[in-house]
Amino acid sequence: MLWKLLHTAALFLLLFAVWCLLSGVFTPLFFSLGAICCLFATFIVLRMEVFDNESHPFQLIYLGPMYWMWLAKEMVVSGLRVTRIIWRLEPNLTPGFAWIRTELKSDLGLTIFANSLTLTPGTVCVDLKKGRAYIHALEESSLKSIEMGEIERRVERITSFATKRGANKPLVEKKNP
């Protein structure tokens, strides 16, 4: 129950902050109109039952920056590796495709996993299904490092919080008449 309240309050505050930034007018009338509109929008979102721990990943506020710093480092390292491959006098590329198994279950986790692979130079996630991802890499050694699962472990760490709290369950339960 506390998480429902926290997520609802966070959604309202986020909407209200965006309202204030975009309006640029800071009078009591506009504040009250903004609060009413944001309350109404929050009510609609809760009523539609599309608001859950995965669509509003509260845990990424705390765990996301560590993951993004690690991903930035991996992007730089991969970028340097791709640059070295390109600048070779005789590049001996060994590109390859492979289906990589993943234990990630949530849509949020799979999306972060696929986007992280695509952001990393030299790899592209071509297709994504529950339990596996179809990856293209410039070198087969990149596919082997992906199979080792470092990206998957890090994504699981930041998304496991939402999954433990019931990521795909709406925060407002539907009432039967």
Protein backbone atom coordinates (compact mmCIF):
# COMPACT_ATOMS: atom_id res chain seq x y z
CA MET A 1 0.00 0.00 0.00
CA LEU A 2 2.87 2.37 0.81
CA TRP A 3 4.43 1.72 -2.62
CA LYS A 4 1.15 2.58 -4.33
CA LEU A 5 1.06 5.88 -2.51
CA LEU A 6 4.73 6.63 -3.24
CA HIS A 7 4.36 5.86 -6.94
CA THR A 8 1.19 7.92 -7.21
CA ALA A 9 2.78 10.86 -5.40
CA ALA A 10 5.91 10.60 -7.57
CA LEU A 11 3.79 10.60 -10.72
CA PHE A 12 1.85 13.65 -9.55
CA LEU A 13 5.05 15.52 -8.60
CA LEU A 14 6.68 14.67 -11.92
CA LEU A 15 3.64 15.87 -13.86
CA PHE A 16 3.44 19.04 -11.77
CA ALA A 17 7.16 19.77 -12.24
CA VAL A 18 6.81 19.39 -16.00
CA TRP A 19 3.72 21.63 -15.89
CA CYS A 20 5.64 24.34 -14.02
CA LEU A 21 8.68 24.12 -16.30
CA LEU A 22 6.65 24.27 -19.48
CA SER A 23 4.20 26.95 -18.42
CA GLY A 24 6.81 29.43 -17.19
CA VAL A 25 4.12 31.35 -15.32
CA PHE A 26 4.34 31.22 -11.54
CA THR A 27 1.14 32.80 -10.30
CA PRO A 28 -1.25 31.21 -7.79
CA LEU A 29 -3.89 30.79 -10.49
CA PHE A 30 -1.57 28.82 -12.75
CA PHE A 31 -0.26 26.74 -9.85
CA SER A 32 -3.79 25.78 -8.86
CA LEU A 33 -4.80 25.04 -12.47
CA GLY A 34 -1.64 22.96 -12.89
CA ALA A 35 -2.33 21.03 -9.70
CA ILE A 36 -5.91 20.31 -10.80
CA CYS A 37 -4.80 19.13 -14.24
CA CYS A 38 -2.04 16.96 -12.78
CA LEU A 39 -4.43 15.43 -10.24
CA PHE A 40 -6.87 14.69 -13.05
CA ALA A 41 -4.13 13.13 -15.21
CA THR A 42 -2.94 11.02 -12.26
CA PHE A 43 -6.50 9.87 -11.63
CA ILE A 44 -6.90 8.88 -15.30
CA VAL A 45 -3.63 6.93 -15.27
CA LEU A 46 -4.66 5.05 -12.11
CA ARG A 47 -8.14 4.43 -13.49
CA MET A 48 -6.74 3.00 -16.74
CA GLU A 49 -4.64 0.53 -14.71
CA VAL A 50 -1.52 1.15 -16.80
CA PHE A 51 0.49 2.40 -13.86
CA ASP A 52 2.72 -0.27 -12.32
CA ASN A 53 6.23 -0.69 -10.96
CA GLU A 54 7.58 -1.42 -14.41
CA SER A 55 6.01 1.49 -16.27
CA HIS A 56 7.14 3.83 -13.49
CA PRO A 57 10.50 2.31 -12.43
CA PHE A 58 11.11 4.12 -9.16
CA GLN A 59 14.20 1.99 -8.44
CA LEU A 60 16.08 3.38 -11.45
CA ILE A 61 16.41 6.70 -9.65
CA TYR A 62 18.81 5.05 -7.19
CA LEU A 63 20.34 2.19 -9.15
CA GLY A 64 20.31 3.67 -12.66
CA PRO A 65 23.28 6.06 -12.37
CA MET A 66 25.66 3.24 -11.38
CA TYR A 67 24.47 1.19 -14.36
CA TRP A 68 24.78 4.17 -16.71
CA MET A 69 28.36 4.84 -15.57
CA TRP A 70 29.26 1.19 -16.19
CA LEU A 71 27.52 1.28 -19.59
CA ALA A 72 29.36 4.50 -20.53
CA LYS A 73 32.67 2.80 -19.72
CA GLU A 74 31.68 -0.22 -21.83
CA MET A 75 30.68 2.07 -24.70
CA VAL A 76 34.08 3.78 -24.62
CA VAL A 77 35.96 0.46 -24.48
CA SER A 78 33.85 -0.98 -27.32
CA GLY A 79 34.25 2.20 -29.33
CA LEU A 80 38.02 1.97 -29.03
CA ARG A 81 37.90 -1.72 -30.03
CA VAL A 82 35.78 -0.92 -33.11
CA THR A 83 38.12 1.97 -34.00
CA ARG A 84 41.11 -0.39 -33.77
CA ILE A 85 39.33 -2.87 -36.06
CA ILE A 86 38.51 -0.16 -38.60
CA TRP A 87 42.02 1.32 -38.66
CA ARG A 88 43.80 -2.00 -39.21
CA LEU A 89 45.61 -2.23 -42.53
CA GLU A 90 44.10 -5.65 -43.11
CA PRO A 91 40.92 -5.87 -41.05
CA ASN A 92 40.03 -9.47 -40.41
CA LEU A 93 36.44 -9.11 -39.31
CA THR A 94 34.59 -12.11 -38.03
CA PRO A 95 31.04 -10.77 -37.83
CA GLY A 96 28.36 -13.05 -36.57
CA PHE A 97 24.77 -13.46 -35.51
CA ALA A 98 23.68 -15.50 -32.53
CA TRP A 99 20.67 -16.15 -30.37
CA ILE A 100 21.71 -15.35 -26.81
CA ARG A 101 19.70 -16.85 -23.98
CA THR A 102 18.61 -14.51 -21.22
CA GLU A 103 16.96 -15.13 -17.89
CA LEU A 104 15.39 -11.67 -17.79
CA LYS A 105 11.62 -11.94 -17.45
CA SER A 106 10.31 -8.38 -17.23
CA ASP A 107 9.69 -6.20 -20.26
CA LEU A 108 11.68 -3.41 -18.62
CA GLY A 109 14.69 -5.69 -18.14
CA LEU A 110 14.55 -7.01 -21.70
CA THR A 111 14.26 -3.48 -23.07
CA ILE A 112 17.22 -2.18 -21.06
CA PHE A 113 19.23 -5.28 -22.07
CA ALA A 114 18.50 -4.83 -25.80
CA ASN A 115 19.09 -1.08 -25.74
CA SER A 116 22.35 -1.49 -23.85
CA LEU A 117 23.61 -3.95 -26.44
CA THR A 118 22.58 -1.65 -29.27
CA LEU A 119 24.22 1.39 -27.66
CA THR A 120 27.50 -0.49 -27.33
CA PRO A 121 29.52 -0.01 -30.55
CA GLY A 122 29.96 -3.19 -32.55
CA THR A 123 26.79 -4.92 -31.37
CA VAL A 124 23.15 -4.62 -32.35
CA CYS A 125 20.15 -6.41 -30.90
CA VAL A 126 18.17 -7.40 -33.98
CA ASP A 127 15.29 -9.31 -32.39
CA LEU A 128 14.09 -9.84 -28.87
CA LYS A 129 11.80 -12.54 -27.55
CA LYS A 130 11.09 -13.82 -24.05
CA GLY A 131 14.15 -15.76 -23.02
CA ARG A 132 16.43 -14.88 -25.95
CA ALA A 133 17.87 -12.07 -28.04
CA TYR A 134 19.18 -12.19 -31.62
CA ILE A 135 22.43 -10.24 -31.66
CA HIS A 136 24.76 -9.13 -34.45
CA ALA A 137 28.36 -8.37 -33.54
CA LEU A 138 31.38 -7.23 -35.57
CA GLU A 139 33.51 -9.88 -33.87
CA GLU A 140 32.49 -13.25 -32.55
CA SER A 141 34.48 -12.54 -29.39
CA SER A 142 31.88 -9.88 -28.58
CA LEU A 143 29.15 -12.52 -28.81
CA LYS A 144 31.09 -14.71 -26.41
CA SER A 145 31.44 -11.88 -23.90
CA ILE A 146 27.69 -11.21 -24.13
CA GLU A 147 27.02 -14.90 -23.52
CA MET A 148 29.05 -14.63 -20.30
CA GLY A 149 26.20 -12.49 -19.02
CA GLU A 150 27.74 -9.37 -17.46
CA ILE A 151 25.18 -7.05 -19.05
CA GLU A 152 22.37 -9.39 -18.07
CA ARG A 153 23.53 -9.55 -14.44
CA ARG A 154 23.72 -5.78 -14.17
CA VAL A 155 20.30 -5.29 -15.79
CA GLU A 156 18.83 -7.90 -13.47
CA ARG A 157 20.26 -6.07 -10.47
CA ILE A 158 18.56 -2.78 -11.35
CA THR A 159 15.25 -4.31 -12.46
CA SER A 160 14.89 -7.00 -9.79
CA PHE A 161 13.42 -4.47 -7.38
CA ALA A 162 10.43 -3.89 -9.66
CA THR A 163 10.01 -7.60 -10.27
CA LYS A 164 10.00 -8.39 -6.54
CA ARG A 165 7.25 -5.84 -6.01
CA GLY A 166 5.10 -7.33 -8.78
CA ALA A 167 6.19 -5.38 -11.82
CA ASN A 168 3.38 -6.43 -14.10
CA LYS A 169 0.64 -6.05 -11.53
CA PRO A 170 -1.24 -2.75 -11.62
CA LEU A 171 -0.98 -0.57 -8.55
CA VAL A 172 -4.76 -0.23 -8.47
CA GLU A 173 -6.63 -3.50 -8.35
CA LYS A 174 -9.70 -3.83 -10.53
CA LYS A 175 -12.87 -4.21 -8.52
CA ASN A 176 -15.54 -6.57 -9.74
CA PRO A 177 -19.09 -5.24 -9.38
